[in-house]
Amino acid sequence: MTERWALTPHGNHGALLTPLTEEGRPAGGPTEEPDLVAAVRARPHVRRWVWRATQEVYPRLLAAGVRVERCYDIEAAELLLLGHEGRLGEPRSAAAAWARLHNAPVPRDPPPRAAVPGSQDSLFDPAPTTALPFDALVEVYAEQQRRHAAAEHPDRMRLLTAAESAGMLVAAEMHAAGLPWRADVHREVLRELLGERYAGGGEPRRLAELADEVSAAFGHRVRPDLPADVVKAFAKAGIKVKSTRRWELEELDHPAVAPLIAYKKLYRIWTAHGWSWLQDWVRDGRFRPEFTPGGTVSGRWTTNGGGALQIPKVIRRAVVADEGWRLVVADADQMEPRVLAAISRDRGLMEVAGSDEDLYTRLSARAFAGDRDHAKLAVLGAVYGQTSGDGLKNLAALRRRFPLAVAYVDEAAKAGEEGRLVRTWLGRTSPPAAGAGDADEEAGIPQEEPESAAPESGFTPGYASSNARARGRFTRNFVVQGSAADWALLMLAALRRATWDMRAQLVFFQHDEVIVHCPEEEAGAVARAIREAGELAGRIAFGETPVHFPFTTAVVERYSDAK
């Protein structure tokens, strides 16, 4: 009996299903079932379900207590394949893929679905779609199998699609489980930081006090929440500033600086994670962000509302495990340099990364006279394109000792500058220079990372930039950051499988950090599973290399205690 079946919702609650051959063709006529959930539950032998989009089917299954081992997400695959073919920005829906296959007019993708704060409703509601008959959906899947076979590295591309589809399952499960959140603790933190709230929704007491201090320092009324007002006030005081960013303000000698910086920090908490956020997003002790795997060109995840990837450290005090449960918080150690070692096949750097010890310390002993800070700056300079001042000198030292690693990112930068396609190790593809910004916008992909997620070098890649060198800096980083994102997908898939029979729940993921909520007695097994998942993902993604992918793991009752 075949282990791969195609499925699509049909009618109010039913489904159409058919088994598939290895080539992706129907192995029989479609079967109509009156109940989609019952149809899946009755077929435990199916190892991989093929469907249009995970968000269309899986939340309904999870609500009924049904999980699936694997899936193939046709629309996630289409986005990856379009990128690989240099066509990122074309509509990625299954209906669009079928239209291209038949040289028919290609429908535009529907607008993204808006998240509904604090509930699972947005994930349960059907996403806007362009109707596609079941046989046409299966035809698109079969054509995608042919396109995978035509990829530069077919096996890697198939692995990337499988990993991205697994990420879709993980994202839906994390949304359903929710991050445990104590509203009472959150309110207590807000009172400590912001003071009492005033009637009418105005600024809380501490912000009002700081605003008064800022105005007093300038000698006239200033609105610290309005950057233009602040810039004008400094100009009036004889000080020219380009922005109100903290790093620029800290360079100034003026009595308004200290209260202004304090105001900006607290204002951000009040507006992004204050009382209104708490009311909107936390329900029944859970914060349920809607994760979007592959939400950026590099493959990093984003969220649809809720600010889950920018939770301030002080607010993490509210993330508290249930009674008798624990949070296992794990951070991948020096993930991107280890990925660079694996993809460049630089023997020296692989040797340095072939230990669970701190990579920068080991690197400094070999090339930087024991200076860890210089070793770290050199690696970041290579990955992010810092080629001036001390960065250039450190990069030269790195190039002498690890020539293949530096040459790998140099070649990626050169390809980017020349407008060529640049791929991660598994085949995720950066768009070509021409029209890249338009392509990202059309595909619904953010054109730059949020400020809080910018790399340590301070360089935030702008995909739409016409500057060839800027694009080269981006593609230099893309091959490493994107390959790291691909590794992270495989790590999540391996961790999900390792904890399948546990009560443990994956509840949070961002870039190089994962949180598992589990009974206290399972915490040790979960921590081991995370470490083993990281190593397994390294072998699956990059083959047998000496490189280790260790985690720093903490078992805590509240998120803030892990840092």
Protein backbone atom coordinates (compact mmCIF):
# COMPACT_ATOMS: atom_id res chain seq x y z
CA MET A 1 0.00 0.00 0.00
CA THR A 2 1.40 3.39 -1.01
CA GLU A 3 2.69 5.63 1.77
CA ARG A 4 2.04 8.90 -0.10
CA TRP A 5 -1.45 10.30 -0.58
CA ALA A 6 -2.81 13.54 -1.98
CA LEU A 7 -5.61 15.24 -0.06
CA THR A 8 -7.75 18.31 -0.47
CA PRO A 9 -10.75 19.59 1.51
CA HIS A 10 -14.07 18.99 -0.23
CA GLY A 11 -17.41 20.44 0.74
CA ASN A 12 -17.99 21.60 4.30
CA HIS A 13 -16.14 18.88 6.18
CA GLY A 14 -15.15 16.25 3.63
CA ALA A 15 -12.09 15.47 1.56
CA LEU A 16 -10.92 14.05 -1.75
CA LEU A 17 -7.99 11.64 -1.52
CA THR A 18 -5.90 9.48 -3.81
CA PRO A 19 -2.74 7.39 -3.43
CA LEU A 20 0.27 8.52 -5.47
CA THR A 21 3.03 6.75 -7.36
CA GLU A 22 6.71 7.57 -6.87
CA GLU A 23 6.46 9.89 -9.89
CA GLY A 24 3.60 11.77 -8.25
CA ARG A 25 0.86 10.38 -10.50
CA PRO A 26 -2.46 9.10 -9.14
CA ALA A 27 -2.30 5.39 -8.31
CA GLY A 28 -6.07 5.19 -8.55
CA GLY A 29 -9.20 7.26 -8.82
CA PRO A 30 -9.97 9.85 -6.14
CA THR A 31 -11.95 8.75 -3.11
CA GLU A 32 -14.52 11.09 -1.62
CA GLU A 33 -14.78 10.98 2.17
CA PRO A 34 -17.48 12.80 4.18
CA ASP A 35 -15.11 13.70 7.04
CA LEU A 36 -11.57 14.94 6.40
CA VAL A 37 -10.38 14.24 9.95
CA ALA A 38 -11.80 10.73 9.95
CA ALA A 39 -10.25 10.07 6.54
CA VAL A 40 -6.76 10.93 7.80
CA ARG A 41 -7.24 9.11 11.09
CA ALA A 42 -8.30 5.97 9.22
CA ARG A 43 -5.05 5.88 7.23
CA PRO A 44 -2.19 5.64 9.74
CA HIS A 45 -0.04 3.90 7.11
CA VAL A 46 0.32 7.14 5.12
CA ARG A 47 3.79 8.50 5.74
CA ARG A 48 3.44 11.72 3.75
CA TRP A 49 0.31 13.73 2.95
CA VAL A 50 0.45 15.92 -0.15
CA TRP A 51 -1.76 18.99 0.06
CA ARG A 52 -2.03 22.49 -1.32
CA ALA A 53 -1.08 24.34 1.84
CA THR A 54 -0.55 23.16 5.41
CA GLN A 55 -2.52 26.05 6.87
CA GLU A 56 -5.57 24.90 4.89
CA VAL A 57 -5.66 21.39 6.37
CA TYR A 58 -3.47 20.84 9.41
CA PRO A 59 -5.09 23.18 11.96
CA ARG A 60 -8.35 21.28 11.49
CA LEU A 61 -6.56 18.00 12.17
CA LEU A 62 -4.76 19.38 15.23
CA ALA A 63 -8.03 20.65 16.68
CA ALA A 64 -9.30 17.07 16.50
CA GLY A 65 -6.14 15.68 18.11
CA VAL A 66 -4.69 14.26 14.88
CA ARG A 67 -1.05 14.77 13.96
CA VAL A 68 0.64 13.69 10.76
CA GLU A 69 4.20 12.47 10.48
CA ARG A 70 5.12 14.21 7.23
CA CYS A 71 3.59 16.37 4.56
CA TYR A 72 4.43 17.93 1.22
CA ASP A 73 3.24 21.54 0.99
CA ILE A 74 2.70 22.29 -2.70
CA GLU A 75 2.67 26.06 -2.38
CA ALA A 76 5.77 26.11 -0.16
CA ALA A 77 7.49 23.93 -2.76
CA GLU A 78 6.37 26.25 -5.56
CA LEU A 79 7.99 29.25 -3.88
CA LEU A 80 11.27 27.37 -3.49
CA LEU A 81 11.20 26.10 -7.07
CA LEU A 82 10.40 29.53 -8.51
CA GLY A 83 13.36 30.95 -6.62
CA HIS A 84 15.63 28.18 -7.83
CA GLU A 85 14.56 28.87 -11.40
CA GLY A 86 15.27 32.60 -11.02
CA ARG A 87 11.57 33.50 -11.08
CA LEU A 88 11.00 34.61 -7.50
CA GLY A 89 8.15 37.12 -7.45
CA GLU A 90 5.86 35.22 -9.79
CA PRO A 91 2.61 34.04 -8.14
CA ARG A 92 3.29 30.93 -6.09
CA SER A 93 -0.23 29.51 -5.60
CA ALA A 94 -1.07 26.03 -6.85
CA ALA A 95 -3.54 27.62 -9.26
CA ALA A 96 -0.76 29.81 -10.68
CA ALA A 97 1.52 26.78 -11.05
CA TRP A 98 -1.20 24.91 -12.97
CA ALA A 99 -1.82 27.94 -15.20
CA ARG A 100 1.88 28.18 -16.07
CA LEU A 101 1.90 24.47 -16.85
CA HIS A 102 -0.90 24.98 -19.40
CA ASN A 103 0.19 28.40 -20.72
CA ALA A 104 -3.01 29.89 -19.33
CA PRO A 105 -3.45 33.31 -17.72
CA VAL A 106 -1.73 33.21 -14.33
CA PRO A 107 -3.88 34.42 -11.41
CA ARG A 108 -2.36 36.75 -8.86
CA ASP A 109 -1.76 35.40 -5.40
CA PRO A 110 -4.49 36.28 -2.90
CA PRO A 111 -3.56 38.84 -0.24
CA PRO A 112 -2.03 37.48 2.97
CA ARG A 113 -4.47 36.53 5.67
CA ALA A 114 -4.46 38.88 8.66
CA ALA A 115 -3.76 37.30 12.03
CA VAL A 116 -6.47 37.40 14.68
CA PRO A 117 -4.77 38.42 17.94
CA GLY A 118 -4.94 36.06 20.88
CA SER A 119 -6.78 33.16 19.27
CA GLN A 120 -6.45 30.28 16.89
CA ASP A 121 -9.26 31.57 14.68
CA SER A 122 -7.03 32.95 11.93
CA LEU A 123 -5.33 29.61 11.49
CA PHE A 124 -8.60 27.69 11.49
CA ASP A 125 -10.35 29.94 9.00
CA PRO A 126 -9.74 28.95 5.37
CA ALA A 127 -7.09 31.09 3.73
CA PRO A 128 -8.15 32.96 0.59
CA THR A 129 -7.40 30.74 -2.38
CA THR A 130 -7.93 30.43 -6.08
CA ALA A 131 -10.05 27.30 -6.64
CA LEU A 132 -8.22 24.38 -8.26
CA PRO A 133 -9.76 20.99 -9.08
CA PHE A 134 -8.25 18.00 -7.30
CA ASP A 135 -6.87 16.42 -10.47
CA ALA A 136 -5.20 19.71 -11.36
CA LEU A 137 -3.60 19.85 -7.89
CA VAL A 138 -2.17 16.37 -8.37
CA GLU A 139 -0.92 17.39 -11.81
CA VAL A 140 0.95 20.33 -10.28
CA TYR A 141 2.54 18.01 -7.74
CA ALA A 142 3.73 15.63 -10.47
CA GLU A 143 5.21 18.54 -12.42
CA GLN A 144 7.01 19.73 -9.30
CA GLN A 145 8.65 16.32 -9.03
CA ARG A 146 10.01 16.80 -12.55
CA ARG A 147 11.26 20.28 -11.67
CA HIS A 148 13.01 18.95 -8.56
CA ALA A 149 14.78 16.40 -10.77
CA ALA A 150 15.96 19.22 -13.04
CA ALA A 151 17.44 21.26 -10.17
CA GLU A 152 21.17 21.89 -9.89
CA HIS A 153 21.38 19.37 -7.03
CA PRO A 154 18.11 17.38 -7.14
CA ASP A 155 18.59 15.47 -3.88
CA ARG A 156 19.42 18.62 -1.96
CA MET A 157 16.44 20.45 -3.45
CA ARG A 158 14.12 17.60 -2.49
CA LEU A 159 15.54 17.68 1.02
CA LEU A 160 14.98 21.45 1.23
CA THR A 161 11.34 21.07 0.17
CA ALA A 162 10.81 18.27 2.68
CA ALA A 163 12.39 20.40 5.42
CA GLU A 164 10.29 23.46 4.53
CA SER A 165 7.15 21.30 4.60
CA ALA A 166 8.17 19.91 8.00
CA GLY A 167 8.62 23.49 9.17
CA MET A 168 5.02 24.19 8.17
CA LEU A 169 3.87 21.33 10.42
CA VAL A 170 6.02 22.59 13.31
CA ALA A 171 4.69 26.15 12.91
CA ALA A 172 1.07 24.97 13.03
CA GLU A 173 1.76 22.80 16.08
CA MET A 174 3.52 25.64 17.92
CA HIS A 175 0.56 27.90 17.25
CA ALA A 176 -1.85 25.27 18.53
CA ALA A 177 0.21 24.61 21.68
CA GLY A 178 0.93 28.26 22.44
CA LEU A 179 3.73 29.77 24.51
CA PRO A 180 2.76 29.63 28.22
CA TRP A 181 2.17 33.18 29.41
CA ARG A 182 1.25 34.51 32.86
CA ALA A 183 -0.89 37.60 32.38
CA ASP A 184 -0.64 38.50 36.09
CA VAL A 185 3.16 38.49 35.95
CA HIS A 186 3.09 40.57 32.77
CA ARG A 187 0.89 43.18 34.46
CA GLU A 188 3.22 43.25 37.45
CA VAL A 189 6.22 43.87 35.17
CA LEU A 190 4.38 46.67 33.39
CA ARG A 191 3.51 48.33 36.72
CA GLU A 192 7.16 48.13 37.81
CA LEU A 193 8.42 49.65 34.58
CA LEU A 194 5.69 52.08 33.58
CA GLY A 195 3.81 52.91 36.74
CA GLU A 196 0.06 53.43 36.93
CA ARG A 197 -2.15 53.82 33.90
CA TYR A 198 -4.23 56.96 33.54
CA ALA A 199 -7.86 56.98 32.45
CA GLY A 200 -8.45 57.56 28.77
CA GLY A 201 -5.54 55.46 27.48
CA GLY A 202 -2.85 58.14 27.79
CA GLU A 203 0.79 57.49 28.61
CA PRO A 204 1.38 55.76 31.96
CA ARG A 205 2.95 57.65 34.86
CA ARG A 206 6.63 56.87 34.27
CA LEU A 207 6.47 57.83 30.59
CA ALA A 208 4.72 61.07 31.46
CA GLU A 209 7.45 61.85 34.01
CA LEU A 210 10.22 61.16 31.52
CA ALA A 211 8.47 63.28 28.89
CA ASP A 212 8.41 66.15 31.39
CA GLU A 213 12.14 65.66 32.08
CA VAL A 214 12.92 65.79 28.37
CA SER A 215 10.90 68.99 27.97
CA ALA A 216 12.56 70.54 31.02
CA ALA A 217 16.01 69.74 29.61
CA PHE A 218 15.16 71.54 26.38
CA GLY A 219 13.42 74.41 28.12
CA HIS A 220 10.18 74.00 26.18
CA ARG A 221 7.54 71.38 25.49
CA VAL A 222 8.83 68.50 23.36
CA ARG A 223 7.01 65.33 22.31
CA PRO A 224 9.63 62.56 22.80
CA ASP A 225 7.40 60.10 20.93
CA LEU A 226 7.75 62.19 17.76
CA PRO A 227 11.24 61.92 16.21
CA ALA A 228 10.75 65.05 14.13
CA ASP A 229 9.93 67.01 17.30
CA VAL A 230 13.10 65.73 18.99
CA VAL A 231 15.34 66.48 16.00
CA LYS A 232 13.87 70.00 15.86
CA ALA A 233 14.47 70.51 19.59
CA PHE A 234 18.13 69.52 19.27
CA ALA A 235 18.53 71.82 16.28
CA LYS A 236 17.11 74.67 18.34
CA ALA A 237 19.72 73.83 20.98
CA GLY A 238 22.45 74.07 18.34
CA ILE A 239 22.95 70.30 17.92
CA LYS A 240 22.42 68.68 14.54
CA VAL A 241 21.20 65.06 14.58
CA LYS A 242 20.09 62.90 11.68
CA SER A 243 17.86 60.59 13.71
CA THR A 244 16.83 59.68 17.25
CA ARG A 245 18.45 56.25 17.23
CA ARG A 246 20.04 55.39 20.53
CA TRP A 247 23.60 55.01 19.22
CA GLU A 248 23.46 58.55 17.79
CA LEU A 249 21.91 60.06 20.91
CA GLU A 250 24.55 58.47 23.14
CA GLU A 251 27.21 60.51 21.35
CA LEU A 252 25.57 63.79 22.40
CA ASP A 253 26.36 65.92 25.43
CA HIS A 254 22.96 67.27 26.46
CA PRO A 255 20.81 66.82 29.60
CA ALA A 256 17.86 65.57 27.52
CA VAL A 257 19.74 62.48 26.31
CA ALA A 258 19.40 60.27 29.41
CA PRO A 259 15.63 60.76 29.94
CA LEU A 260 15.06 60.56 26.17
CA ILE A 261 16.80 57.19 25.87
CA ALA A 262 14.92 55.89 28.91
CA TYR A 263 11.65 57.15 27.44
CA LYS A 264 12.27 55.46 24.08
CA LYS A 265 13.00 52.11 25.74
CA LEU A 266 9.87 52.19 27.90
CA TYR A 267 7.71 53.62 25.11
CA ARG A 268 8.67 50.66 22.94
CA ILE A 269 7.58 48.24 25.68
CA TRP A 270 4.32 50.14 26.26
CA THR A 271 3.34 50.20 22.59
CA ALA A 272 4.66 46.79 21.49
CA HIS A 273 4.08 44.61 24.61
CA GLY A 274 1.99 46.72 26.93
CA TRP A 275 -1.50 46.30 28.37
CA SER A 276 -3.20 46.48 24.97
CA TRP A 277 -0.92 43.79 23.56
CA LEU A 278 -1.62 41.58 26.57
CA GLN A 279 -5.37 41.98 26.11
CA ASP A 280 -5.18 41.28 22.39
CA TRP A 281 -2.71 38.40 22.23
CA VAL A 282 -2.86 36.32 25.41
CA ARG A 283 -5.80 34.00 25.98
CA ASP A 284 -6.19 31.20 28.52
CA GLY A 285 -2.57 31.43 29.59
CA ARG A 286 -1.14 31.15 26.10
CA PHE A 287 0.43 33.47 23.53
CA ARG A 288 -0.21 32.01 20.08
CA PRO A 289 1.88 33.75 17.43
CA GLU A 290 1.37 32.71 13.83
CA PHE A 291 4.79 31.61 12.62
CA THR A 292 5.69 31.86 8.93
CA PRO A 293 8.49 29.49 7.88
CA GLY A 294 10.63 30.94 5.10
CA GLY A 295 9.14 34.39 5.71
CA THR A 296 12.32 36.07 4.42
CA VAL A 297 14.41 35.37 1.33
CA SER A 298 17.12 33.79 3.50
CA GLY A 299 14.63 31.27 4.89
CA ARG A 300 14.45 32.78 8.37
CA TRP A 301 11.03 32.64 10.00
CA THR A 302 8.79 35.60 10.61
CA THR A 303 5.52 35.97 12.46
CA ASN A 304 2.20 37.38 11.34
CA GLY A 305 1.53 39.90 14.10
CA GLY A 306 2.21 39.75 17.83
CA GLY A 307 5.90 40.65 17.79
CA ALA A 308 6.90 37.17 18.92
CA LEU A 309 10.44 37.51 17.58
CA GLN A 310 11.07 40.75 19.49
CA ILE A 311 9.98 39.87 23.03
CA PRO A 312 11.98 42.21 25.33
CA LYS A 313 14.11 40.43 27.91
CA VAL A 314 12.26 42.04 30.79
CA ILE A 315 8.89 40.85 29.42
CA ARG A 316 10.19 37.27 29.24
CA ARG A 317 9.53 37.09 32.98
CA ALA A 318 5.89 36.48 32.02
CA VAL A 319 6.73 33.33 30.04
CA VAL A 320 6.26 30.79 32.84
CA ALA A 321 5.92 27.03 32.56
CA ASP A 322 2.76 25.35 33.79
CA GLU A 323 2.85 23.84 37.28
CA GLY A 324 4.93 20.67 37.20
CA TRP A 325 6.31 21.57 33.77
CA ARG A 326 9.54 23.21 32.62
CA LEU A 327 10.82 25.25 29.70
CA VAL A 328 13.83 23.79 27.92
CA VAL A 329 15.47 26.79 26.25
CA ALA A 330 18.24 25.98 23.79
CA ASP A 331 20.50 28.31 21.81
CA ALA A 332 22.69 27.00 18.98
CA ASP A 333 26.30 27.95 19.72
CA GLN A 334 28.07 29.99 17.02
CA MET A 335 25.72 28.51 14.45
CA GLU A 336 26.69 30.55 11.39
CA PRO A 337 30.50 30.10 11.65
CA ARG A 338 29.93 26.36 12.06
CA VAL A 339 27.71 26.35 9.00
CA LEU A 340 30.40 28.24 7.06
CA ALA A 341 32.90 25.56 8.00
CA ALA A 342 30.57 22.82 6.76
CA ILE A 343 29.59 24.42 3.44
CA SER A 344 33.08 25.69 2.53
CA ARG A 345 34.75 22.36 3.38
CA ASP A 346 37.69 24.34 4.77
CA ARG A 347 39.69 21.70 6.66
CA GLY A 348 41.15 24.16 9.14
CA LEU A 349 37.84 25.77 10.04
CA MET A 350 36.12 22.37 10.19
CA GLU A 351 38.76 21.31 12.71
CA VAL A 352 38.09 24.41 14.79
CA ALA A 353 34.34 23.73 14.60
CA GLY A 354 34.80 20.05 15.39
CA SER A 355 34.25 20.52 19.10
CA ASP A 356 31.50 21.63 21.45
CA GLU A 357 33.89 24.18 22.93
CA ASP A 358 33.51 27.88 22.17
CA LEU A 359 34.41 28.28 18.51
CA TYR A 360 35.79 31.80 18.81
CA THR A 361 38.11 30.80 21.65
CA ARG A 362 39.45 27.88 19.62
CA LEU A 363 39.79 30.12 16.58
CA SER A 364 41.68 32.80 18.51
CA ALA A 365 44.25 30.25 19.69
CA ARG A 366 45.06 29.34 16.07
CA ALA A 367 45.06 32.67 14.30
CA PHE A 368 44.61 35.63 16.65
CA ALA A 369 47.12 35.17 19.47
CA GLY A 370 44.36 34.19 21.88
CA ASP A 371 42.27 37.32 21.30
CA ARG A 372 38.69 36.02 21.17
CA ASP A 373 37.19 39.39 20.31
CA HIS A 374 39.38 39.77 17.23
CA ALA A 375 38.57 36.22 16.15
CA LYS A 376 34.85 36.91 16.42
CA LEU A 377 35.14 40.19 14.52
CA ALA A 378 37.07 38.44 11.76
CA VAL A 379 34.40 35.79 11.27
CA LEU A 380 31.60 38.35 11.35
CA GLY A 381 33.56 40.52 8.93
CA ALA A 382 33.86 37.61 6.51
CA VAL A 383 30.18 36.72 6.77
CA TYR A 384 28.75 40.24 6.76
CA GLY A 385 31.25 42.03 4.54
CA GLN A 386 32.99 44.34 7.01
CA THR A 387 36.08 45.32 5.03
CA SER A 388 37.37 48.52 6.65
CA GLY A 389 39.52 49.39 9.66
CA ASP A 390 40.28 46.54 12.05
CA GLY A 391 37.75 44.41 10.18
CA LEU A 392 40.00 44.37 7.11
CA LYS A 393 43.09 43.42 9.14
CA ASN A 394 41.23 40.66 10.97
CA LEU A 395 39.79 39.37 7.71
CA ALA A 396 43.27 39.15 6.22
CA ALA A 397 44.39 36.99 9.13
CA LEU A 398 41.35 34.78 8.67
CA ARG A 399 42.03 34.47 4.94
CA ARG A 400 45.60 33.27 5.55
CA ARG A 401 44.56 30.49 7.92
CA PHE A 402 41.20 29.52 6.41
CA PRO A 403 41.40 30.34 2.68
CA LEU A 404 38.55 28.07 1.49
CA ALA A 405 36.08 29.52 3.99
CA VAL A 406 36.82 33.12 3.02
CA ALA A 407 36.90 32.23 -0.67
CA TYR A 408 33.43 30.67 -0.35
CA VAL A 409 31.79 33.89 0.86
CA ASP A 410 33.95 36.00 -1.46
CA GLU A 411 32.60 34.05 -4.44
CA ALA A 412 29.04 34.51 -3.18
CA ALA A 413 29.64 38.25 -2.90
CA LYS A 414 31.09 38.38 -6.41
CA ALA A 415 28.11 36.46 -7.81
CA GLY A 416 25.75 38.88 -6.08
CA GLU A 417 27.56 41.92 -7.42
CA GLU A 418 27.31 40.46 -10.93
CA GLY A 419 23.58 39.81 -10.57
CA ARG A 420 23.88 36.02 -10.65
CA LEU A 421 21.71 33.60 -8.69
CA VAL A 422 23.18 32.62 -5.34
CA ARG A 423 22.07 29.49 -3.52
CA THR A 424 22.27 28.04 -0.04
CA TRP A 425 23.82 24.61 0.34
CA LEU A 426 20.43 22.92 -0.13
CA GLY A 427 19.28 25.19 -2.96
CA ARG A 428 17.28 28.09 -1.50
CA THR A 429 17.97 30.91 -3.93
CA SER A 430 18.51 34.62 -3.59
CA PRO A 431 16.77 36.60 -6.34
CA PRO A 432 18.86 38.14 -9.13
CA ALA A 433 19.78 41.80 -8.84
CA ALA A 434 17.47 43.00 -11.60
CA GLY A 435 14.07 43.70 -10.10
CA ALA A 436 14.97 41.94 -6.87
CA GLY A 437 13.11 44.43 -4.71
CA ASP A 438 10.00 44.22 -6.87
CA ALA A 439 10.18 40.44 -6.75
CA ASP A 440 10.35 40.42 -2.97
CA GLU A 441 7.39 42.76 -2.65
CA GLU A 442 5.34 40.72 -5.10
CA ALA A 443 6.19 37.51 -3.24
CA GLY A 444 5.15 39.05 0.07
CA ILE A 445 8.70 38.81 1.43
CA PRO A 446 9.95 41.59 3.73
CA GLN A 447 12.69 43.62 2.08
CA GLU A 448 14.77 43.84 5.20
CA GLU A 449 15.08 42.31 8.64
CA PRO A 450 13.63 44.28 11.56
CA GLU A 451 16.18 46.47 13.31
CA SER A 452 16.27 44.19 16.34
CA ALA A 453 17.21 41.23 14.16
CA ALA A 454 20.07 42.95 12.33
CA PRO A 455 23.39 41.11 12.25
CA GLU A 456 26.03 42.00 14.82
CA SER A 457 28.03 43.82 12.16
CA GLY A 458 25.26 46.39 11.95
CA PHE A 459 24.64 45.66 8.28
CA THR A 460 20.99 45.13 7.44
CA PRO A 461 20.67 43.75 3.89
CA GLY A 462 18.49 45.74 1.53
CA TYR A 463 17.30 43.45 -1.21
CA ALA A 464 16.08 46.24 -3.45
CA SER A 465 19.38 48.12 -3.42
CA SER A 466 20.76 49.09 -6.83
CA ASN A 467 24.24 49.21 -5.34
CA ALA A 468 26.12 46.14 -6.55
CA ARG A 469 28.46 46.12 -3.57
CA ALA A 470 25.53 46.24 -1.16
CA ARG A 471 24.00 43.28 -2.93
CA GLY A 472 27.35 41.49 -2.75
CA ARG A 473 27.40 42.01 1.02
CA PHE A 474 23.93 40.53 1.19
CA THR A 475 24.71 37.45 -0.91
CA ARG A 476 27.94 36.95 1.05
CA ASN A 477 25.79 36.62 4.15
CA PHE A 478 22.95 34.84 2.38
CA VAL A 479 24.88 31.66 1.63
CA VAL A 480 25.73 31.30 5.32
CA GLN A 481 22.58 32.64 6.98
CA GLY A 482 20.34 30.84 4.48
CA SER A 483 22.20 27.54 4.90
CA ALA A 484 21.90 27.99 8.66
CA ALA A 485 18.14 28.49 8.26
CA ASP A 486 17.98 25.28 6.22
CA TRP A 487 19.91 23.44 8.96
CA ALA A 488 17.51 24.82 11.57
CA LEU A 489 14.53 23.40 9.66
CA LEU A 490 16.10 19.95 9.70
CA MET A 491 16.90 20.34 13.40
CA LEU A 492 13.26 21.17 14.15
CA ALA A 493 12.07 18.20 12.10
CA ALA A 494 14.46 15.87 13.93
CA LEU A 495 13.44 17.28 17.32
CA ARG A 496 9.76 16.94 16.48
CA ARG A 497 10.31 13.29 15.58
CA ALA A 498 12.41 12.60 18.70
CA THR A 499 9.71 13.99 21.00
CA TRP A 500 6.79 12.46 19.09
CA ASP A 501 5.82 10.05 21.88
CA MET A 502 6.41 12.54 24.70
CA ARG A 503 4.04 15.08 26.19
CA ALA A 504 6.62 17.73 25.34
CA GLN A 505 5.55 20.53 22.98
CA LEU A 506 7.65 22.77 20.76
CA VAL A 507 6.33 26.23 21.57
CA PHE A 508 8.82 28.77 20.20
CA PHE A 509 11.52 29.13 17.56
CA GLN A 510 13.57 32.04 16.30
CA HIS A 511 16.70 31.80 14.15
CA ASP A 512 18.98 29.83 16.51
CA GLU A 513 16.79 29.37 19.58
CA VAL A 514 14.12 26.81 20.35
CA ILE A 515 11.88 26.42 23.41
CA VAL A 516 10.18 23.18 24.41
CA HIS A 517 7.49 23.11 27.12
CA CYS A 518 7.47 19.74 28.83
CA PRO A 519 6.69 17.91 32.09
CA GLU A 520 9.57 18.25 34.54
CA GLU A 521 10.38 14.55 34.30
CA GLU A 522 10.87 14.82 30.52
CA ALA A 523 13.23 17.82 30.65
CA GLY A 524 16.44 15.78 30.63
CA ALA A 525 15.30 13.68 27.68
CA VAL A 526 14.22 16.81 25.79
CA ALA A 527 17.59 18.49 26.35
CA ARG A 528 19.35 15.40 24.99
CA ALA A 529 16.94 15.27 22.05
CA ILE A 530 17.77 18.88 21.15
CA ARG A 531 21.51 18.20 21.15
CA GLU A 532 21.08 15.04 19.10
CA ALA A 533 18.74 16.82 16.67
CA GLY A 534 21.37 19.49 16.03
CA GLU A 535 24.04 16.92 15.19
CA LEU A 536 21.66 14.85 13.06
CA ALA A 537 20.59 17.94 11.13
CA GLY A 538 24.24 18.73 10.43
CA ARG A 539 24.86 15.28 8.98
CA ILE A 540 21.66 15.29 6.90
CA ALA A 541 22.20 18.81 5.56
CA PHE A 542 25.95 18.86 4.93
CA GLY A 543 27.00 15.22 4.89
CA GLU A 544 29.64 13.65 7.12
CA THR A 545 31.91 16.46 8.29
CA PRO A 546 33.86 16.97 11.54
CA VAL A 547 31.71 20.00 12.38
CA HIS A 548 29.73 19.95 15.61
CA PHE A 549 26.47 21.83 16.13
CA PRO A 550 26.16 22.15 19.93
CA PHE A 551 23.50 23.91 21.97
CA THR A 552 23.59 25.79 25.23
CA THR A 553 20.54 24.44 27.04
CA ALA A 554 18.78 25.65 30.17
CA VAL A 555 15.90 23.98 32.01
CA VAL A 556 13.95 26.74 33.72
CA GLU A 557 10.54 27.66 35.06
CA ARG A 558 10.51 31.06 33.36
CA TYR A 559 12.04 32.19 30.09
CA SER A 560 13.93 35.13 31.62
CA ASP A 561 15.97 32.75 33.81
CA ALA A 562 17.53 31.12 30.76
CA LYS A 563 19.55 34.20 29.81
